[in-house]
Amino acid sequence: MYLERIVMRRRSSGQQPAKSSRESQWSRREFLGATAAVVPPLATLGLTGIALQQLTDFRIRRFVVPIQGLPPDLHGMTIAQVSDMHVGRFTSGRVLGDVVNATNNLHADLVLLTGDLINDALADLDTGIDLVRQMQGKYGIYLIEGNHDLIENPEEFERRMKSSGIPFLLDEATVVTVRGMPIQLFGLSWTRARQNRDHEIAAAVQRLLSESQSDAFRMLLAHHPHAFDAAADAKIPLTLSGHTHGGQLMLNERCGFGPAMFRYWTGLYRRGESNLIVSNGVGNWFPLRVNAPAEIVHVTLVRV
């Protein structure tokens, strides 16, 4: 019953073309400053209550992704992508259990978490780890880090994740057998450079992909969606990202913080034979979402 309530599919799949040649250099402080100017009109229009309600609601967003040359045994393979849980101040209590239940009800072959497990406080990490342990993927669960995971103490977060027993990919690759076929997952760490970030992300992707295994189907997990540019250059069939929260505050699908700050901010993008899915994320670091619904992403791969 709850799943029927939260599944608010705007579309089963979609493509959002890039609108900008480079990422805006907005900082989180600048975002908050701009938001301060936006929130009063929202309140005036009576939208704030709707936005606040979205802190505990999420949808299942489904994509069917055609993959050129996908191995026949992987036709119909499914992935549950859970991104940006932000366990902490604005994502806690009942909604976390609902996220686990909704993920498990998808019965996906793989469950892949693309960063920002916690909002900032390491005090919430045990809760986050326990939630991930409750998730069920037929062939496994894999996780990467995001920028919020590293706010309090990056080294401690990474140490605790590595000792948790959950497969945590930190600038490394692993091969998992799904339906008898090898899949190589590449997990990118968060690029901490403040200057020339896109250049540093691309260099990190290139280093990571040097470990490619020729007989495996390859997927990249990267919290920041701009990693897609280097992944597409390397002809990686599928990249999964988060970080953008779908733009967080959007006037419509094309206008708002998403396209102002990112080349890719929500949904499915294609370049050549490469595909990117950017999840809006299921949790919240900020107490408002407007036209950027929280979501768990369900991906089905099909051979073409």
Protein backbone atom coordinates (compact mmCIF):
# COMPACT_ATOMS: atom_id res chain seq x y z
CA MET A 1 0.00 0.00 0.00
CA TYR A 2 2.75 2.44 0.89
CA LEU A 3 4.59 1.73 -2.34
CA GLU A 4 1.46 2.54 -4.31
CA ARG A 5 1.32 5.89 -2.55
CA ILE A 6 4.94 6.88 -3.08
CA VAL A 7 5.31 5.78 -6.67
CA MET A 8 4.71 9.03 -8.52
CA ARG A 9 6.18 8.35 -11.92
CA ARG A 10 6.70 11.50 -13.90
CA ARG A 11 7.90 9.33 -16.81
CA SER A 12 9.32 5.85 -17.19
CA SER A 13 12.47 7.16 -18.83
CA GLY A 14 13.71 10.38 -20.27
CA GLN A 15 16.64 12.22 -21.70
CA GLN A 16 17.81 15.57 -20.41
CA PRO A 17 20.23 17.21 -22.85
CA ALA A 18 23.13 19.20 -21.47
CA LYS A 19 22.42 22.91 -21.33
CA SER A 20 25.88 24.21 -20.39
CA SER A 21 29.45 23.54 -21.43
CA ARG A 22 30.81 23.76 -17.90
CA GLU A 23 29.69 23.59 -14.28
CA SER A 24 28.85 26.84 -12.54
CA GLN A 25 31.33 27.65 -9.80
CA TRP A 26 28.60 28.12 -7.20
CA SER A 27 29.53 27.08 -3.70
CA ARG A 28 27.15 25.65 -1.09
CA ARG A 29 27.17 29.07 0.60
CA GLU A 30 26.15 30.76 -2.65
CA PHE A 31 23.42 28.16 -3.13
CA LEU A 32 22.04 28.88 0.32
CA GLY A 33 22.23 32.61 -0.34
CA ALA A 34 20.30 32.27 -3.57
CA THR A 35 17.83 29.96 -1.88
CA ALA A 36 17.16 32.60 0.78
CA ALA A 37 15.88 34.79 -2.00
CA VAL A 38 13.71 32.01 -3.41
CA VAL A 39 12.08 30.71 -0.23
CA PRO A 40 9.92 33.82 0.59
CA PRO A 41 8.13 33.69 -2.77
CA LEU A 42 7.56 29.98 -2.24
CA ALA A 43 5.93 30.70 1.10
CA THR A 44 3.85 33.46 -0.46
CA LEU A 45 2.63 31.04 -3.10
CA GLY A 46 1.76 28.42 -0.52
CA LEU A 47 4.29 25.92 -1.86
CA THR A 48 6.45 25.54 1.22
CA GLY A 49 4.11 23.02 2.82
CA ILE A 50 4.22 20.88 -0.31
CA ALA A 51 8.01 21.10 -0.39
CA LEU A 52 8.30 20.13 3.27
CA GLN A 53 6.08 17.10 2.72
CA GLN A 54 8.60 15.82 0.19
CA LEU A 55 11.07 15.21 3.03
CA THR A 56 9.18 12.00 3.81
CA ASP A 57 7.86 11.05 0.35
CA PHE A 58 9.75 9.49 -2.52
CA ARG A 59 8.97 7.80 -5.79
CA ILE A 60 10.26 4.80 -7.73
CA ARG A 61 11.57 6.11 -11.05
CA ARG A 62 12.03 3.47 -13.73
CA PHE A 63 14.35 3.48 -16.73
CA VAL A 64 14.73 0.90 -19.48
CA VAL A 65 18.20 1.41 -20.91
CA PRO A 66 19.14 -0.10 -24.29
CA ILE A 67 22.77 -1.25 -24.35
CA GLN A 68 24.53 -1.95 -27.64
CA GLY A 69 26.11 -5.37 -27.47
CA LEU A 70 24.85 -6.23 -23.99
CA PRO A 71 25.62 -9.92 -23.34
CA PRO A 72 22.43 -11.93 -23.98
CA ASP A 73 22.46 -13.37 -20.46
CA LEU A 74 22.28 -9.83 -19.04
CA HIS A 75 19.22 -8.86 -21.08
CA GLY A 76 16.61 -7.80 -18.52
CA MET A 77 19.12 -7.36 -15.71
CA THR A 78 17.87 -4.93 -13.03
CA ILE A 79 19.56 -2.42 -10.75
CA ALA A 80 18.18 -0.55 -7.76
CA GLN A 81 20.12 2.71 -7.42
CA VAL A 82 19.87 4.34 -4.01
CA SER A 83 21.62 7.68 -3.84
CA ASP A 84 22.01 10.54 -1.38
CA MET A 85 20.26 8.99 1.62
CA HIS A 86 21.70 11.75 3.85
CA VAL A 87 20.93 9.85 7.04
CA GLY A 88 20.77 12.55 9.69
CA ARG A 89 18.96 15.77 10.39
CA PHE A 90 16.40 15.81 7.58
CA THR A 91 16.25 12.09 6.75
CA SER A 92 15.52 9.94 9.76
CA GLY A 93 12.91 7.79 11.41
CA ARG A 94 10.16 6.02 9.46
CA VAL A 95 11.25 7.14 6.01
CA LEU A 96 14.54 5.23 6.35
CA GLY A 97 12.71 1.97 6.92
CA ASP A 98 10.45 2.78 3.98
CA VAL A 99 13.52 3.27 1.78
CA VAL A 100 14.84 -0.17 2.74
CA ASN A 101 11.47 -1.84 2.18
CA ALA A 102 10.92 -0.14 -1.17
CA THR A 103 14.41 -1.11 -2.33
CA ASN A 104 13.93 -4.74 -1.33
CA ASN A 105 10.52 -4.91 -2.99
CA LEU A 106 12.21 -4.17 -6.32
CA HIS A 107 13.99 -7.57 -6.14
CA ALA A 108 16.87 -6.13 -8.16
CA ASP A 109 19.87 -8.09 -9.34
CA LEU A 110 22.19 -5.42 -7.91
CA VAL A 111 21.70 -2.68 -5.34
CA LEU A 112 24.12 0.18 -5.96
CA LEU A 113 24.50 3.16 -3.62
CA THR A 114 26.06 6.22 -5.22
CA GLY A 115 27.22 8.34 -2.29
CA ASP A 116 26.11 10.58 0.59
CA LEU A 117 25.02 7.78 2.89
CA ILE A 118 25.11 10.25 5.80
CA ASN A 119 24.39 13.96 5.87
CA ASP A 120 27.55 14.94 7.76
CA ALA A 121 27.77 13.50 11.31
CA LEU A 122 29.68 10.28 11.89
CA ALA A 123 27.31 9.69 14.80
CA ASP A 124 24.75 8.68 12.14
CA LEU A 125 27.05 6.27 10.32
CA ASP A 126 26.12 3.17 12.33
CA THR A 127 22.48 3.80 11.44
CA GLY A 128 23.41 4.18 7.78
CA ILE A 129 25.48 1.01 7.76
CA ASP A 130 22.67 -0.93 9.42
CA LEU A 131 20.21 0.27 6.76
CA VAL A 132 22.51 -0.82 3.94
CA ARG A 133 22.95 -4.24 5.55
CA GLN A 134 19.18 -4.67 5.46
CA MET A 135 19.03 -4.06 1.69
CA GLN A 136 18.84 -7.09 -0.57
CA GLY A 137 20.34 -7.48 -4.03
CA LYS A 138 20.27 -10.90 -5.67
CA TYR A 139 23.93 -10.62 -6.63
CA GLY A 140 25.13 -8.08 -4.13
CA ILE A 141 25.21 -4.53 -2.78
CA TYR A 142 27.99 -2.03 -3.53
CA LEU A 143 28.59 1.48 -2.26
CA ILE A 144 30.72 4.55 -3.01
CA GLU A 145 31.28 7.77 -1.09
CA GLY A 146 29.90 11.26 -1.64
CA ASN A 147 30.96 14.70 -0.49
CA HIS A 148 28.65 14.78 2.54
CA ASP A 149 30.13 11.53 3.83
CA LEU A 150 33.46 13.32 4.20
CA ILE A 151 32.38 16.54 5.94
CA GLU A 152 33.27 15.60 9.52
CA ASN A 153 36.25 13.27 9.11
CA PRO A 154 37.00 11.76 5.68
CA GLU A 155 39.59 9.25 6.89
CA GLU A 156 37.35 7.97 9.68
CA PHE A 157 34.37 7.57 7.36
CA GLU A 158 36.43 5.58 4.87
CA ARG A 159 38.02 3.45 7.60
CA ARG A 160 34.66 2.56 9.14
CA MET A 161 33.11 1.77 5.77
CA LYS A 162 36.02 -0.48 4.82
CA SER A 163 35.65 -2.38 8.09
CA SER A 164 31.85 -2.65 7.82
CA GLY A 165 31.84 -5.72 5.58
CA ILE A 166 29.81 -3.85 2.94
CA PRO A 167 31.62 -3.75 -0.43
CA PHE A 168 32.88 -0.15 -0.48
CA LEU A 169 34.63 0.89 -3.69
CA LEU A 170 37.17 3.62 -3.07
CA ASP A 171 38.90 4.38 -6.37
CA GLU A 172 38.86 0.69 -7.13
CA ALA A 173 37.17 -1.90 -9.31
CA THR A 174 35.60 -5.23 -8.51
CA VAL A 175 34.11 -8.00 -10.63
CA VAL A 176 30.76 -9.51 -9.67
CA THR A 177 29.17 -12.43 -11.50
CA VAL A 178 25.55 -11.75 -12.44
CA ARG A 179 23.57 -14.45 -14.25
CA GLY A 180 26.85 -16.19 -14.97
CA MET A 181 28.41 -13.12 -16.62
CA PRO A 182 31.24 -10.92 -15.24
CA ILE A 183 30.33 -7.30 -14.47
CA GLN A 184 33.13 -4.93 -13.54
CA LEU A 185 32.06 -2.14 -11.19
CA PHE A 186 34.28 0.92 -10.93
CA GLY A 187 33.80 3.00 -7.78
CA LEU A 188 35.09 6.57 -7.91
CA SER A 189 36.00 8.41 -4.72
CA TRP A 190 34.89 12.00 -4.17
CA THR A 191 37.27 14.41 -5.90
CA ARG A 192 38.24 16.93 -3.22
CA ALA A 193 39.86 19.48 -5.53
CA ARG A 194 38.31 22.94 -5.25
CA GLN A 195 39.86 24.26 -8.45
CA ASN A 196 39.56 22.65 -11.90
CA ARG A 197 37.25 20.01 -10.43
CA ASP A 198 36.04 18.71 -13.78
CA HIS A 199 39.63 18.21 -14.92
CA GLU A 200 40.48 16.35 -11.72
CA ILE A 201 37.37 14.18 -11.99
CA ALA A 202 38.26 13.24 -15.56
CA ALA A 203 41.83 12.36 -14.55
CA ALA A 204 40.54 10.21 -11.67
CA VAL A 205 38.16 8.37 -13.99
CA GLN A 206 40.95 7.70 -16.49
CA ARG A 207 43.19 6.29 -13.75
CA LEU A 208 40.42 4.09 -12.44
CA LEU A 209 39.45 2.74 -15.85
CA SER A 210 43.02 1.66 -16.48
CA GLU A 211 42.01 -1.45 -14.52
CA SER A 212 39.41 -2.43 -17.14
CA GLN A 213 38.85 -6.12 -17.72
CA SER A 214 38.19 -6.79 -21.40
CA ASP A 215 35.74 -9.68 -20.96
CA ALA A 216 33.47 -7.90 -18.44
CA PHE A 217 30.50 -5.57 -18.85
CA ARG A 218 31.61 -2.27 -17.30
CA MET A 219 29.72 0.17 -15.07
CA LEU A 220 30.98 3.31 -13.33
CA LEU A 221 29.64 4.54 -9.99
CA ALA A 222 30.50 8.22 -9.52
CA HIS A 223 28.80 10.57 -7.09
CA HIS A 224 29.42 13.62 -9.28
CA PRO A 225 27.66 13.30 -12.67
CA HIS A 226 30.36 15.19 -14.57
CA ALA A 227 32.39 11.96 -14.44
CA PHE A 228 30.21 10.91 -17.37
CA ASP A 229 32.29 12.91 -19.83
CA ALA A 230 35.41 10.80 -19.24
CA ALA A 231 33.32 7.62 -18.98
CA ALA A 232 31.73 8.30 -22.38
CA ASP A 233 35.15 9.00 -23.90
CA ALA A 234 36.16 5.54 -22.63
CA LYS A 235 32.92 4.00 -23.99
CA ILE A 236 31.68 2.84 -20.60
CA PRO A 237 28.12 1.61 -21.28
CA LEU A 238 26.55 2.81 -18.02
CA THR A 239 27.40 5.41 -15.39
CA LEU A 240 25.30 5.95 -12.25
CA SER A 241 25.52 9.23 -10.34
CA GLY A 242 23.71 11.38 -7.78
CA HIS A 243 24.77 14.55 -5.95
CA THR A 244 22.43 17.03 -7.71
CA HIS A 245 19.15 16.23 -5.91
CA GLY A 246 17.48 16.82 -9.24
CA GLY A 247 18.28 20.52 -8.92
CA GLN A 248 16.66 20.73 -5.44
CA LEU A 249 14.66 23.87 -6.34
CA MET A 250 13.30 23.84 -9.89
CA LEU A 251 10.68 26.06 -11.51
CA ASN A 252 10.17 23.32 -14.10
CA GLU A 253 12.20 20.53 -15.69
CA ARG A 254 14.49 22.97 -17.50
CA CYS A 255 14.79 25.97 -15.21
CA GLY A 256 16.26 26.08 -11.73
CA PHE A 257 19.35 25.22 -9.74
CA GLY A 258 20.00 21.96 -11.62
CA PRO A 259 20.95 23.37 -15.02
CA ALA A 260 22.56 26.40 -13.38
CA MET A 261 25.05 24.22 -11.52
CA PHE A 262 25.45 21.02 -13.55
CA ARG A 263 25.67 19.75 -17.11
CA TYR A 264 23.66 16.69 -16.06
CA TRP A 265 21.22 16.99 -13.18
CA THR A 266 18.39 14.45 -13.44
CA GLY A 267 17.38 11.38 -15.39
CA LEU A 268 18.85 9.61 -18.41
CA TYR A 269 21.49 11.07 -20.73
CA ARG A 270 23.11 9.41 -23.75
CA ARG A 271 26.30 10.09 -25.65
CA GLY A 272 27.19 7.63 -28.37
CA GLU A 273 26.87 4.16 -26.89
CA SER A 274 27.28 5.43 -23.31
CA ASN A 275 24.47 6.13 -20.86
CA LEU A 276 24.28 8.16 -17.65
CA ILE A 277 21.56 8.06 -15.01
CA VAL A 278 21.53 10.86 -12.46
CA SER A 279 19.33 10.10 -9.46
CA ASN A 280 17.52 12.89 -7.62
CA GLY A 281 18.45 11.04 -4.43
CA VAL A 282 16.13 9.65 -1.80
CA GLY A 283 17.21 11.77 1.19
CA ASN A 284 17.62 15.44 2.01
CA TRP A 285 20.35 17.79 3.21
CA PHE A 286 18.07 20.81 2.80
CA PRO A 287 14.49 21.10 4.08
CA LEU A 288 12.87 22.00 0.75
CA ARG A 289 12.44 20.22 -2.56
CA VAL A 290 10.53 21.87 -5.39
CA ASN A 291 9.87 20.01 -8.64
CA ALA A 292 12.77 17.67 -7.80
CA PRO A 293 11.10 14.64 -6.19
CA ALA A 294 13.10 12.30 -3.99
CA GLU A 295 13.46 8.90 -5.62
CA ILE A 296 14.85 5.42 -5.77
CA VAL A 297 15.87 4.53 -9.33
CA HIS A 298 15.08 1.17 -10.92
CA VAL A 299 17.07 0.37 -14.06
CA THR A 300 16.43 -2.44 -16.54
CA LEU A 301 19.12 -3.16 -19.12
CA VAL A 302 18.06 -4.48 -22.53
CA ARG A 303 20.15 -5.75 -25.41
CA VAL A 304 19.97 -3.98 -28.77
